[in-house]
Amino acid sequence: MLNVGLTGGIACGKSTIARMLVEKGAILIDFDDLAHAVEEPEGPVWRGIVSHFGEGILLPDRQIDRRKLGAIVFADREKRDILNRLVHPAVFAEWRRQLGEIEKTRADAIVLSDVPLLIEAGLKTMVDVVLLVYLPPEGQIRRLMARNGFTRKEAERRVAAQMPIGEKIPQADIVIRNEGSVEETSRAVSQVWEELRGRGRTQRLPDV
């Protein structure tokens, strides 16, 4: 099994790249989905978040309003760190469980672990390959404004709250530049897929 850590920055297009790779045969584990699962109402993570941030972050159905919570933590590094300490242990435990299940049934699988903070959190050693989706900061800002309806100031604040995308390039094994057309991105993904398949085959070769 080849465990590929997919990372990037906000609004860089990771979801698009992930979808293209899944269409080619990759198995996706999305950390946002894991976070949703561990934050279900009345669970231990949910209770910890509500205890720290108050019931004002809840929707009428008691689900966490992720946009409201995001606005709070992206404006305050200390609060963002608190949220990460509450959520990350449960997310990583579920990630390891899912990886174990996949390895049992698909030893030849290429697993795509979509981990937004892979580099920042020092998790490179937990994956076999780091795949970075790159988009220049101005492109991130424009996409956030179009996708989320943010003002430019809001979008700039979200981008500034993360590690500069350019600083991640030297930390990556493979980089997909996502500022071109859909066709250009698709061609890049096809090339990367062949590289990942080759790495997977090499990893499975017996020792001699």
N, C-alpha and C. Protein backbone atom coordinates (compact mmCIF):
# COMPACT_ATOMS: atom_id res chain seq x y z
N MET A 1 0.84 -1.19 0.00
CA MET A 1 0.00 0.00 0.00
C MET A 1 0.88 1.24 0.00
N LEU A 2 0.53 2.19 -0.86
CA LEU A 2 1.24 3.46 -0.91
C LEU A 2 0.35 4.53 -0.31
N ASN A 3 0.82 5.17 0.77
CA ASN A 3 0.03 6.20 1.45
C ASN A 3 0.53 7.56 1.00
N VAL A 4 -0.27 8.24 0.19
CA VAL A 4 0.10 9.54 -0.38
C VAL A 4 -0.57 10.65 0.42
N GLY A 5 0.25 11.53 0.96
CA GLY A 5 -0.30 12.67 1.70
C GLY A 5 -0.57 13.82 0.74
N LEU A 6 -1.84 14.12 0.53
CA LEU A 6 -2.24 15.22 -0.36
C LEU A 6 -2.42 16.48 0.47
N THR A 7 -1.73 17.54 0.10
CA THR A 7 -1.82 18.77 0.86
C THR A 7 -1.72 19.97 -0.07
N GLY A 8 -1.81 21.15 0.50
CA GLY A 8 -1.77 22.38 -0.30
C GLY A 8 -2.09 23.55 0.60
N GLY A 9 -2.89 24.46 0.10
CA GLY A 9 -3.37 25.59 0.87
C GLY A 9 -4.85 25.74 0.62
N ILE A 10 -5.46 26.64 1.35
CA ILE A 10 -6.89 26.86 1.19
C ILE A 10 -7.20 27.31 -0.24
N ALA A 11 -8.23 26.71 -0.84
CA ALA A 11 -8.70 27.06 -2.18
C ALA A 11 -7.68 26.79 -3.28
N CYS A 12 -6.78 25.84 -3.04
CA CYS A 12 -5.79 25.50 -4.07
C CYS A 12 -6.31 24.49 -5.09
N GLY A 13 -7.45 23.87 -4.78
CA GLY A 13 -8.01 22.89 -5.71
C GLY A 13 -7.70 21.45 -5.35
N LYS A 14 -7.43 21.18 -4.07
CA LYS A 14 -7.13 19.81 -3.67
C LYS A 14 -8.29 18.86 -3.96
N SER A 15 -9.50 19.33 -3.76
CA SER A 15 -10.66 18.45 -3.98
C SER A 15 -10.76 18.03 -5.44
N THR A 16 -10.45 18.95 -6.34
CA THR A 16 -10.47 18.62 -7.78
C THR A 16 -9.41 17.59 -8.10
N ILE A 17 -8.20 17.79 -7.58
CA ILE A 17 -7.11 16.84 -7.82
C ILE A 17 -7.47 15.48 -7.23
N ALA A 18 -8.02 15.49 -6.01
CA ALA A 18 -8.39 14.23 -5.36
C ALA A 18 -9.43 13.48 -6.19
N ARG A 19 -10.43 14.21 -6.70
CA ARG A 19 -11.46 13.56 -7.51
C ARG A 19 -10.86 12.92 -8.76
N MET A 20 -9.94 13.63 -9.41
CA MET A 20 -9.30 13.09 -10.61
C MET A 20 -8.50 11.83 -10.30
N LEU A 21 -7.80 11.82 -9.16
CA LEU A 21 -7.02 10.65 -8.79
C LEU A 21 -7.90 9.48 -8.37
N VAL A 22 -9.01 9.77 -7.72
CA VAL A 22 -9.95 8.71 -7.36
C VAL A 22 -10.53 8.06 -8.62
N GLU A 23 -10.81 8.88 -9.62
CA GLU A 23 -11.31 8.34 -10.89
C GLU A 23 -10.31 7.39 -11.54
N LYS A 24 -9.04 7.58 -11.23
CA LYS A 24 -8.01 6.70 -11.79
C LYS A 24 -7.75 5.47 -10.92
N GLY A 25 -8.34 5.45 -9.72
CA GLY A 25 -8.22 4.26 -8.89
C GLY A 25 -7.72 4.48 -7.48
N ALA A 26 -7.39 5.70 -7.12
CA ALA A 26 -6.94 5.96 -5.75
C ALA A 26 -8.10 5.82 -4.77
N ILE A 27 -7.75 5.51 -3.52
CA ILE A 27 -8.73 5.46 -2.43
C ILE A 27 -8.53 6.71 -1.58
N LEU A 28 -9.58 7.49 -1.38
CA LEU A 28 -9.46 8.77 -0.69
C LEU A 28 -9.87 8.66 0.77
N ILE A 29 -9.03 9.19 1.65
CA ILE A 29 -9.40 9.45 3.04
C ILE A 29 -9.30 10.96 3.23
N ASP A 30 -10.43 11.61 3.40
CA ASP A 30 -10.49 13.07 3.48
C ASP A 30 -10.56 13.49 4.94
N PHE A 31 -9.57 14.25 5.39
CA PHE A 31 -9.54 14.65 6.79
C PHE A 31 -10.70 15.57 7.16
N ASP A 32 -11.24 16.33 6.21
CA ASP A 32 -12.42 17.13 6.51
C ASP A 32 -13.60 16.22 6.84
N ASP A 33 -13.74 15.13 6.09
CA ASP A 33 -14.81 14.16 6.37
C ASP A 33 -14.59 13.51 7.74
N LEU A 34 -13.33 13.19 8.05
CA LEU A 34 -13.05 12.59 9.36
C LEU A 34 -13.41 13.56 10.48
N ALA A 35 -13.08 14.85 10.25
CA ALA A 35 -13.39 15.85 11.27
C ALA A 35 -14.89 15.97 11.47
N HIS A 36 -15.65 15.96 10.37
CA HIS A 36 -17.11 15.99 10.49
C HIS A 36 -17.60 14.81 11.33
N ALA A 37 -17.03 13.63 11.06
CA ALA A 37 -17.49 12.42 11.75
C ALA A 37 -17.22 12.49 13.24
N VAL A 38 -16.04 12.98 13.64
CA VAL A 38 -15.71 12.99 15.06
C VAL A 38 -16.37 14.15 15.80
N GLU A 39 -16.94 15.12 15.03
CA GLU A 39 -17.60 16.27 15.65
C GLU A 39 -19.12 16.13 15.71
N GLU A 40 -19.61 14.91 15.55
CA GLU A 40 -21.05 14.70 15.61
C GLU A 40 -21.60 15.14 16.97
N PRO A 41 -22.82 15.70 16.99
CA PRO A 41 -23.39 16.22 18.23
C PRO A 41 -23.37 15.22 19.38
N GLU A 42 -23.03 15.75 20.55
CA GLU A 42 -23.02 15.06 21.84
C GLU A 42 -21.85 14.09 22.00
N GLY A 43 -20.99 13.99 21.00
CA GLY A 43 -19.79 13.16 21.15
C GLY A 43 -18.74 13.91 21.95
N PRO A 44 -17.66 13.21 22.36
CA PRO A 44 -16.66 13.85 23.21
C PRO A 44 -15.96 15.03 22.56
N VAL A 45 -15.66 14.96 21.26
CA VAL A 45 -15.01 16.08 20.58
C VAL A 45 -15.97 17.26 20.49
N TRP A 46 -17.20 16.98 20.14
CA TRP A 46 -18.24 18.02 20.05
C TRP A 46 -18.38 18.74 21.40
N ARG A 47 -18.42 17.96 22.47
CA ARG A 47 -18.58 18.57 23.80
C ARG A 47 -17.39 19.45 24.14
N GLY A 48 -16.20 19.01 23.77
CA GLY A 48 -15.02 19.82 24.04
C GLY A 48 -15.04 21.13 23.27
N ILE A 49 -15.47 21.07 22.01
CA ILE A 49 -15.53 22.29 21.19
C ILE A 49 -16.57 23.25 21.74
N VAL A 50 -17.74 22.74 22.07
CA VAL A 50 -18.80 23.60 22.59
C VAL A 50 -18.41 24.19 23.94
N SER A 51 -17.71 23.40 24.75
CA SER A 51 -17.25 23.90 26.05
C SER A 51 -16.31 25.08 25.89
N HIS A 52 -15.45 25.03 24.89
CA HIS A 52 -14.47 26.10 24.69
C HIS A 52 -15.03 27.30 23.93
N PHE A 53 -15.90 27.04 22.96
CA PHE A 53 -16.32 28.11 22.06
C PHE A 53 -17.78 28.55 22.26
N GLY A 54 -18.52 27.84 23.08
CA GLY A 54 -19.88 28.25 23.41
C GLY A 54 -20.92 27.73 22.43
N GLU A 55 -22.17 27.73 22.88
CA GLU A 55 -23.25 27.20 22.04
C GLU A 55 -23.62 28.14 20.90
N GLY A 56 -23.03 29.32 20.89
CA GLY A 56 -23.29 30.24 19.78
C GLY A 56 -22.75 29.74 18.46
N ILE A 57 -21.88 28.71 18.47
CA ILE A 57 -21.35 28.17 17.22
C ILE A 57 -22.22 27.05 16.66
N LEU A 58 -23.36 26.78 17.32
CA LEU A 58 -24.20 25.66 16.89
C LEU A 58 -25.33 26.10 15.98
N LEU A 59 -25.66 25.21 15.05
CA LEU A 59 -26.84 25.39 14.20
C LEU A 59 -28.07 24.91 14.97
N PRO A 60 -29.28 25.17 14.47
CA PRO A 60 -30.49 24.73 15.19
C PRO A 60 -30.54 23.22 15.45
N ASP A 61 -29.90 22.42 14.57
CA ASP A 61 -29.93 20.96 14.77
C ASP A 61 -28.78 20.47 15.65
N ARG A 62 -28.05 21.42 16.28
CA ARG A 62 -26.95 21.13 17.20
C ARG A 62 -25.66 20.75 16.49
N GLN A 63 -25.67 20.73 15.17
CA GLN A 63 -24.42 20.55 14.45
C GLN A 63 -23.57 21.82 14.61
N ILE A 64 -22.27 21.65 14.51
CA ILE A 64 -21.38 22.81 14.58
C ILE A 64 -21.46 23.61 13.28
N ASP A 65 -21.65 24.90 13.41
CA ASP A 65 -21.64 25.79 12.25
C ASP A 65 -20.17 26.03 11.89
N ARG A 66 -19.67 25.28 10.91
CA ARG A 66 -18.24 25.30 10.60
C ARG A 66 -17.79 26.66 10.06
N ARG A 67 -18.70 27.36 9.39
CA ARG A 67 -18.30 28.66 8.89
C ARG A 67 -18.13 29.66 10.04
N LYS A 68 -19.05 29.60 11.00
CA LYS A 68 -18.95 30.49 12.15
C LYS A 68 -17.73 30.16 12.99
N LEU A 69 -17.49 28.87 13.22
CA LEU A 69 -16.32 28.47 13.99
C LEU A 69 -15.04 28.84 13.25
N GLY A 70 -15.05 28.67 11.93
CA GLY A 70 -13.88 29.02 11.13
C GLY A 70 -13.55 30.49 11.23
N ALA A 71 -14.58 31.34 11.23
CA ALA A 71 -14.34 32.78 11.34
C ALA A 71 -13.67 33.12 12.67
N ILE A 72 -14.01 32.37 13.70
CA ILE A 72 -13.42 32.62 15.03
C ILE A 72 -11.95 32.19 15.05
N VAL A 73 -11.67 30.97 14.59
CA VAL A 73 -10.32 30.44 14.77
C VAL A 73 -9.33 30.99 13.75
N PHE A 74 -9.81 31.39 12.57
CA PHE A 74 -8.88 31.95 11.60
C PHE A 74 -8.45 33.36 11.99
N ALA A 75 -9.19 33.98 12.90
CA ALA A 75 -8.84 35.32 13.35
C ALA A 75 -7.98 35.30 14.61
N ASP A 76 -7.73 34.11 15.18
CA ASP A 76 -7.03 34.03 16.45
C ASP A 76 -6.22 32.74 16.51
N ARG A 77 -4.90 32.86 16.44
CA ARG A 77 -4.03 31.69 16.40
C ARG A 77 -4.20 30.82 17.64
N GLU A 78 -4.34 31.43 18.81
CA GLU A 78 -4.48 30.65 20.04
C GLU A 78 -5.75 29.80 20.00
N LYS A 79 -6.85 30.38 19.53
CA LYS A 79 -8.10 29.62 19.45
C LYS A 79 -8.00 28.52 18.40
N ARG A 80 -7.28 28.80 17.32
CA ARG A 80 -7.08 27.78 16.29
C ARG A 80 -6.30 26.60 16.85
N ASP A 81 -5.29 26.90 17.67
CA ASP A 81 -4.51 25.83 18.29
C ASP A 81 -5.36 25.00 19.25
N ILE A 82 -6.24 25.67 19.98
CA ILE A 82 -7.15 24.95 20.89
C ILE A 82 -8.02 23.99 20.11
N LEU A 83 -8.60 24.47 19.01
CA LEU A 83 -9.47 23.62 18.19
C LEU A 83 -8.69 22.42 17.67
N ASN A 84 -7.48 22.65 17.19
CA ASN A 84 -6.67 21.54 16.66
C ASN A 84 -6.39 20.51 17.74
N ARG A 85 -6.10 20.97 18.96
CA ARG A 85 -5.82 20.01 20.04
C ARG A 85 -7.05 19.18 20.40
N LEU A 86 -8.22 19.77 20.23
CA LEU A 86 -9.46 19.04 20.52
C LEU A 86 -9.79 18.01 19.44
N VAL A 87 -9.54 18.38 18.19
CA VAL A 87 -10.02 17.56 17.08
C VAL A 87 -8.98 16.56 16.58
N HIS A 88 -7.73 16.96 16.52
CA HIS A 88 -6.72 16.14 15.84
C HIS A 88 -6.54 14.73 16.40
N PRO A 89 -6.47 14.54 17.71
CA PRO A 89 -6.25 13.16 18.19
C PRO A 89 -7.31 12.18 17.70
N ALA A 90 -8.58 12.59 17.72
CA ALA A 90 -9.65 11.70 17.27
C ALA A 90 -9.58 11.48 15.77
N VAL A 91 -9.23 12.52 15.02
CA VAL A 91 -9.12 12.40 13.56
C VAL A 91 -7.99 11.43 13.20
N PHE A 92 -6.83 11.58 13.85
CA PHE A 92 -5.70 10.71 13.54
C PHE A 92 -5.98 9.27 13.91
N ALA A 93 -6.69 9.05 15.00
CA ALA A 93 -7.04 7.68 15.40
C ALA A 93 -7.93 7.03 14.34
N GLU A 94 -8.91 7.78 13.83
CA GLU A 94 -9.78 7.24 12.79
C GLU A 94 -9.02 7.02 11.49
N TRP A 95 -8.10 7.93 11.17
CA TRP A 95 -7.27 7.78 9.97
C TRP A 95 -6.48 6.47 10.04
N ARG A 96 -5.81 6.25 11.16
CA ARG A 96 -5.01 5.02 11.30
C ARG A 96 -5.89 3.78 11.21
N ARG A 97 -7.09 3.86 11.76
CA ARG A 97 -8.00 2.71 11.69
C ARG A 97 -8.37 2.41 10.24
N GLN A 98 -8.71 3.46 9.47
CA GLN A 98 -9.10 3.26 8.08
C GLN A 98 -7.92 2.75 7.24
N LEU A 99 -6.73 3.29 7.48
CA LEU A 99 -5.55 2.79 6.76
C LEU A 99 -5.34 1.31 7.02
N GLY A 100 -5.50 0.90 8.28
CA GLY A 100 -5.34 -0.50 8.62
C GLY A 100 -6.33 -1.39 7.91
N GLU A 101 -7.58 -0.94 7.81
CA GLU A 101 -8.61 -1.71 7.13
C GLU A 101 -8.29 -1.84 5.64
N ILE A 102 -7.84 -0.75 5.03
CA ILE A 102 -7.50 -0.80 3.60
C ILE A 102 -6.34 -1.75 3.35
N GLU A 103 -5.32 -1.68 4.21
CA GLU A 103 -4.14 -2.52 4.01
C GLU A 103 -4.48 -4.00 4.11
N LYS A 104 -5.45 -4.33 4.95
CA LYS A 104 -5.85 -5.72 5.10
C LYS A 104 -6.46 -6.28 3.82
N THR A 105 -7.21 -5.44 3.11
CA THR A 105 -7.98 -5.93 1.96
C THR A 105 -7.39 -5.52 0.61
N ARG A 106 -6.57 -4.47 0.59
CA ARG A 106 -6.01 -3.97 -0.67
C ARG A 106 -4.54 -3.60 -0.47
N ALA A 107 -3.70 -4.61 -0.40
CA ALA A 107 -2.28 -4.36 -0.14
C ALA A 107 -1.63 -3.55 -1.26
N ASP A 108 -2.23 -3.56 -2.45
CA ASP A 108 -1.68 -2.83 -3.59
C ASP A 108 -2.31 -1.45 -3.77
N ALA A 109 -3.10 -1.00 -2.81
CA ALA A 109 -3.86 0.25 -2.96
C ALA A 109 -2.94 1.46 -2.95
N ILE A 110 -3.35 2.49 -3.68
CA ILE A 110 -2.77 3.81 -3.56
C ILE A 110 -3.78 4.65 -2.79
N VAL A 111 -3.45 4.97 -1.55
CA VAL A 111 -4.36 5.70 -0.68
C VAL A 111 -3.99 7.18 -0.71
N LEU A 112 -4.99 8.01 -0.90
CA LEU A 112 -4.80 9.45 -0.94
C LEU A 112 -5.33 10.02 0.37
N SER A 113 -4.43 10.40 1.25
CA SER A 113 -4.82 10.99 2.53
C SER A 113 -4.79 12.51 2.39
N ASP A 114 -5.97 13.11 2.32
CA ASP A 114 -6.09 14.56 2.13
C ASP A 114 -5.93 15.22 3.49
N VAL A 115 -4.71 15.73 3.75
CA VAL A 115 -4.37 16.28 5.06
C VAL A 115 -3.96 17.75 4.88
N PRO A 116 -4.86 18.69 5.12
CA PRO A 116 -4.54 20.10 4.86
C PRO A 116 -3.28 20.59 5.58
N LEU A 117 -3.06 20.16 6.83
CA LEU A 117 -1.93 20.65 7.63
C LEU A 117 -0.81 19.62 7.73
N LEU A 118 -0.66 18.84 6.71
CA LEU A 118 0.34 17.76 6.72
C LEU A 118 1.73 18.27 7.05
N ILE A 119 2.16 19.33 6.36
CA ILE A 119 3.51 19.86 6.55
C ILE A 119 3.62 20.65 7.84
N GLU A 120 2.63 21.52 8.09
CA GLU A 120 2.66 22.37 9.29
C GLU A 120 2.68 21.54 10.57
N ALA A 121 1.96 20.44 10.56
CA ALA A 121 1.84 19.62 11.77
C ALA A 121 2.98 18.61 11.90
N GLY A 122 3.94 18.63 10.98
CA GLY A 122 5.08 17.72 11.06
C GLY A 122 4.71 16.27 10.83
N LEU A 123 3.76 16.02 9.90
CA LEU A 123 3.26 14.66 9.69
C LEU A 123 3.85 13.99 8.46
N LYS A 124 4.87 14.57 7.86
CA LYS A 124 5.44 14.00 6.64
C LYS A 124 5.88 12.56 6.83
N THR A 125 6.39 12.24 8.01
CA THR A 125 6.90 10.88 8.24
C THR A 125 5.77 9.85 8.32
N MET A 126 4.53 10.32 8.40
CA MET A 126 3.39 9.40 8.50
C MET A 126 2.85 8.99 7.14
N VAL A 127 3.41 9.55 6.06
CA VAL A 127 3.00 9.17 4.71
C VAL A 127 4.23 8.75 3.91
N ASP A 128 4.00 8.08 2.79
CA ASP A 128 5.11 7.63 1.94
C ASP A 128 5.53 8.70 0.94
N VAL A 129 4.57 9.49 0.48
CA VAL A 129 4.81 10.52 -0.54
C VAL A 129 4.01 11.76 -0.16
N VAL A 130 4.62 12.94 -0.29
CA VAL A 130 3.90 14.19 -0.08
C VAL A 130 3.60 14.80 -1.45
N LEU A 131 2.31 14.93 -1.74
CA LEU A 131 1.84 15.50 -3.00
C LEU A 131 1.23 16.87 -2.70
N LEU A 132 1.84 17.91 -3.23
CA LEU A 132 1.40 19.28 -2.97
C LEU A 132 0.65 19.83 -4.17
N VAL A 133 -0.53 20.40 -3.92
CA VAL A 133 -1.26 21.15 -4.94
C VAL A 133 -0.95 22.62 -4.74
N TYR A 134 -0.37 23.23 -5.75
CA TYR A 134 0.11 24.61 -5.62
C TYR A 134 -0.74 25.57 -6.43
N LEU A 135 -1.10 26.67 -5.79
CA LEU A 135 -1.75 27.80 -6.45
C LEU A 135 -1.18 29.06 -5.81
N PRO A 136 -0.74 30.05 -6.60
CA PRO A 136 -0.19 31.27 -6.01
C PRO A 136 -1.20 31.95 -5.10
N PRO A 137 -0.75 32.68 -4.07
CA PRO A 137 -1.66 33.30 -3.11
C PRO A 137 -2.76 34.15 -3.74
N GLU A 138 -2.46 34.91 -4.77
CA GLU A 138 -3.49 35.73 -5.39
C GLU A 138 -4.59 34.87 -5.98
N GLY A 139 -4.22 33.72 -6.53
CA GLY A 139 -5.23 32.79 -7.03
C GLY A 139 -6.07 32.21 -5.92
N GLN A 140 -5.45 31.92 -4.77
CA GLN A 140 -6.20 31.44 -3.61
C GLN A 140 -7.24 32.48 -3.18
N ILE A 141 -6.82 33.74 -3.13
CA ILE A 141 -7.72 34.81 -2.70
C ILE A 141 -8.90 34.94 -3.65
N ARG A 142 -8.63 34.94 -4.94
CA ARG A 142 -9.71 35.08 -5.92
C ARG A 142 -10.70 33.92 -5.83
N ARG A 143 -10.17 32.70 -5.67
CA ARG A 143 -11.06 31.54 -5.58
C ARG A 143 -11.90 31.57 -4.30
N LEU A 144 -11.31 32.00 -3.20
CA LEU A 144 -12.08 32.10 -1.96
C LEU A 144 -13.21 33.11 -2.09
N MET A 145 -12.93 34.23 -2.74
CA MET A 145 -13.96 35.25 -2.92
C MET A 145 -15.09 34.72 -3.79
N ALA A 146 -14.74 33.99 -4.85
CA ALA A 146 -15.75 33.46 -5.76
C ALA A 146 -16.50 32.28 -5.15
N ARG A 147 -15.77 31.40 -4.47
CA ARG A 147 -16.36 30.16 -3.96
C ARG A 147 -17.16 30.37 -2.69
N ASN A 148 -16.63 31.19 -1.77
CA ASN A 148 -17.23 31.33 -0.45
C ASN A 148 -17.96 32.65 -0.23
N GLY A 149 -17.86 33.53 -1.21
CA GLY A 149 -18.51 34.83 -1.05
C GLY A 149 -17.80 35.73 -0.04
N PHE A 150 -16.52 35.47 0.23
CA PHE A 150 -15.77 36.29 1.17
C PHE A 150 -15.44 37.64 0.54
N THR A 151 -15.32 38.65 1.40
CA THR A 151 -14.72 39.90 0.95
C THR A 151 -13.23 39.64 0.72
N ARG A 152 -12.57 40.56 0.02
CA ARG A 152 -11.14 40.38 -0.19
C ARG A 152 -10.39 40.32 1.15
N LYS A 153 -10.80 41.16 2.10
CA LYS A 153 -10.14 41.18 3.40
C LYS A 153 -10.29 39.83 4.10
N GLU A 154 -11.50 39.25 4.06
CA GLU A 154 -11.73 37.95 4.68
C GLU A 154 -10.86 36.89 4.02
N ALA A 155 -10.82 36.91 2.69
CA ALA A 155 -10.04 35.92 1.96
C ALA A 155 -8.55 36.06 2.27
N GLU A 156 -8.07 37.28 2.31
CA GLU A 156 -6.66 37.51 2.63
C GLU A 156 -6.34 36.99 4.03
N ARG A 157 -7.25 37.20 4.97
CA ARG A 157 -7.03 36.74 6.34
C ARG A 157 -6.95 35.20 6.39
N ARG A 158 -7.80 34.53 5.64
CA ARG A 158 -7.77 33.06 5.61
C ARG A 158 -6.44 32.56 5.03
N VAL A 159 -6.00 33.17 3.94
CA VAL A 159 -4.74 32.74 3.33
C VAL A 159 -3.57 33.04 4.25
N ALA A 160 -3.58 34.22 4.88
CA ALA A 160 -2.48 34.63 5.76
C ALA A 160 -2.39 33.76 7.01
N ALA A 161 -3.49 33.12 7.39
CA ALA A 161 -3.50 32.29 8.60
C ALA A 161 -2.77 30.98 8.39
N GLN A 162 -2.44 30.65 7.13
CA GLN A 162 -1.78 29.40 6.84
C GLN A 162 -0.31 29.62 6.50
N MET A 163 0.45 28.56 6.54
CA MET A 163 1.84 28.59 6.10
C MET A 163 1.87 29.02 4.64
N PRO A 164 2.73 29.97 4.25
CA PRO A 164 2.79 30.40 2.85
C PRO A 164 2.98 29.21 1.91
N ILE A 165 2.16 29.16 0.89
CA ILE A 165 2.15 28.00 0.00
C ILE A 165 3.52 27.78 -0.65
N GLY A 166 4.23 28.86 -0.95
CA GLY A 166 5.54 28.72 -1.58
C GLY A 166 6.55 28.02 -0.69
N GLU A 167 6.40 28.16 0.63
CA GLU A 167 7.33 27.52 1.56
C GLU A 167 7.11 26.01 1.64
N LYS A 168 6.00 25.55 1.11
CA LYS A 168 5.71 24.12 1.16
C LYS A 168 6.36 23.35 0.01
N ILE A 169 6.72 24.06 -1.06
CA ILE A 169 7.24 23.38 -2.25
C ILE A 169 8.47 22.53 -1.93
N PRO A 170 9.48 23.07 -1.20
CA PRO A 170 10.66 22.23 -0.91
C PRO A 170 10.35 21.02 -0.03
N GLN A 171 9.21 21.05 0.64
CA GLN A 171 8.84 19.96 1.55
C GLN A 171 8.11 18.82 0.82
N ALA A 172 7.75 19.05 -0.43
CA ALA A 172 6.94 18.09 -1.17
C ALA A 172 7.79 17.18 -2.05
N ASP A 173 7.32 15.96 -2.26
CA ASP A 173 7.96 15.03 -3.19
C ASP A 173 7.48 15.27 -4.62
N ILE A 174 6.20 15.64 -4.75
CA ILE A 174 5.60 15.90 -6.06
C ILE A 174 4.75 17.15 -5.94
N VAL A 175 4.80 18.02 -6.94
CA VAL A 175 4.01 19.25 -6.94
C VAL A 175 3.16 19.29 -8.20
N ILE A 176 1.86 19.53 -8.02
CA ILE A 176 0.96 19.80 -9.14
C ILE A 176 0.61 21.28 -9.11
N ARG A 177 0.98 21.99 -10.15
CA ARG A 177 0.65 23.41 -10.25
C ARG A 177 -0.75 23.51 -10.85
N ASN A 178 -1.65 24.18 -10.12
CA ASN A 178 -3.07 24.15 -10.47
C ASN A 178 -3.58 25.51 -10.94
N GLU A 179 -2.69 26.35 -11.51
CA GLU A 179 -3.16 27.66 -11.97
C GLU A 179 -3.54 27.69 -13.43
N GLY A 180 -3.41 26.55 -14.13
CA GLY A 180 -3.72 26.50 -15.55
C GLY A 180 -5.15 26.07 -15.82
N SER A 181 -5.41 25.63 -17.03
CA SER A 181 -6.74 25.17 -17.43
C SER A 181 -7.04 23.81 -16.84
N VAL A 182 -8.29 23.40 -16.92
CA VAL A 182 -8.68 22.08 -16.44
C VAL A 182 -7.94 21.00 -17.23
N GLU A 183 -7.77 21.24 -18.52
CA GLU A 183 -7.08 20.26 -19.36
C GLU A 183 -5.62 20.11 -18.93
N GLU A 184 -4.97 21.23 -18.62
CA GLU A 184 -3.58 21.18 -18.17
C GLU A 184 -3.47 20.44 -16.84
N THR A 185 -4.40 20.70 -15.94
CA THR A 185 -4.39 20.01 -14.66
C THR A 185 -4.62 18.52 -14.85
N SER A 186 -5.54 18.17 -15.74
CA SER A 186 -5.83 16.76 -15.99
C SER A 186 -4.60 16.03 -16.52
N ARG A 187 -3.87 16.67 -17.42
CA ARG A 187 -2.65 16.05 -17.94
C ARG A 187 -1.62 15.87 -16.84
N ALA A 188 -1.49 16.87 -15.98
CA ALA A 188 -0.54 16.78 -14.87
C ALA A 188 -0.91 15.64 -13.92
N VAL A 189 -2.21 15.50 -13.66
CA VAL A 189 -2.67 14.43 -12.77
C VAL A 189 -2.38 13.06 -13.38
N SER A 190 -2.56 12.92 -14.68
CA SER A 190 -2.28 11.64 -15.35
C SER A 190 -0.81 11.27 -15.19
N GLN A 191 0.08 12.25 -15.35
CA GLN A 191 1.51 11.99 -15.18
C GLN A 191 1.83 11.60 -13.74
N VAL A 192 1.21 12.31 -12.81
CA VAL A 192 1.45 12.00 -11.39
C VAL A 192 0.93 10.61 -11.05
N TRP A 193 -0.21 10.23 -11.60
CA TRP A 193 -0.77 8.91 -11.32
C TRP A 193 0.19 7.81 -11.76
N GLU A 194 0.77 7.97 -12.94
CA GLU A 194 1.73 6.97 -13.40
C GLU A 194 2.95 6.92 -12.48
N GLU A 195 3.38 8.08 -12.00
CA GLU A 195 4.51 8.09 -11.07
C GLU A 195 4.15 7.39 -9.76
N LEU A 196 2.95 7.62 -9.26
CA LEU A 196 2.53 6.98 -8.01
C LEU A 196 2.41 5.47 -8.20
N ARG A 197 1.91 5.05 -9.33
CA ARG A 197 1.83 3.60 -9.59
C ARG A 197 3.22 2.98 -9.61
N GLY A 198 4.17 3.69 -10.21
CA GLY A 198 5.54 3.19 -10.23
C GLY A 198 6.13 3.11 -8.84
N ARG A 199 5.88 4.12 -8.03
CA ARG A 199 6.38 4.09 -6.64
C ARG A 199 5.74 2.96 -5.87
N GLY A 200 4.45 2.73 -6.11
CA GLY A 200 3.77 1.64 -5.42
C GLY A 200 4.35 0.29 -5.78
N ARG A 201 4.65 0.09 -7.07
CA ARG A 201 5.24 -1.19 -7.49
C ARG A 201 6.62 -1.37 -6.87
N THR A 202 7.42 -0.30 -6.86
CA THR A 202 8.76 -0.39 -6.28
C THR A 202 8.68 -0.72 -4.80
N GLN A 203 7.71 -0.14 -4.11
CA GLN A 203 7.58 -0.35 -2.68
C GLN A 203 7.23 -1.81 -2.38
N ARG A 204 6.52 -2.46 -3.32
CA ARG A 204 6.09 -3.84 -3.09
C ARG A 204 7.12 -4.88 -3.52
N LEU A 205 8.21 -4.46 -4.15
CA LEU A 205 9.22 -5.41 -4.58
C LEU A 205 9.85 -6.09 -3.36
N PRO A 206 10.06 -7.40 -3.43
CA PRO A 206 10.66 -8.10 -2.28
C PRO A 206 12.12 -7.72 -2.13
N ASP A 207 12.61 -7.77 -0.89
CA ASP A 207 14.03 -7.53 -0.65
C ASP A 207 14.85 -8.68 -1.23
N VAL A 208 16.02 -8.35 -1.77
CA VAL A 208 16.88 -9.38 -2.33
C VAL A 208 18.26 -9.30 -1.68
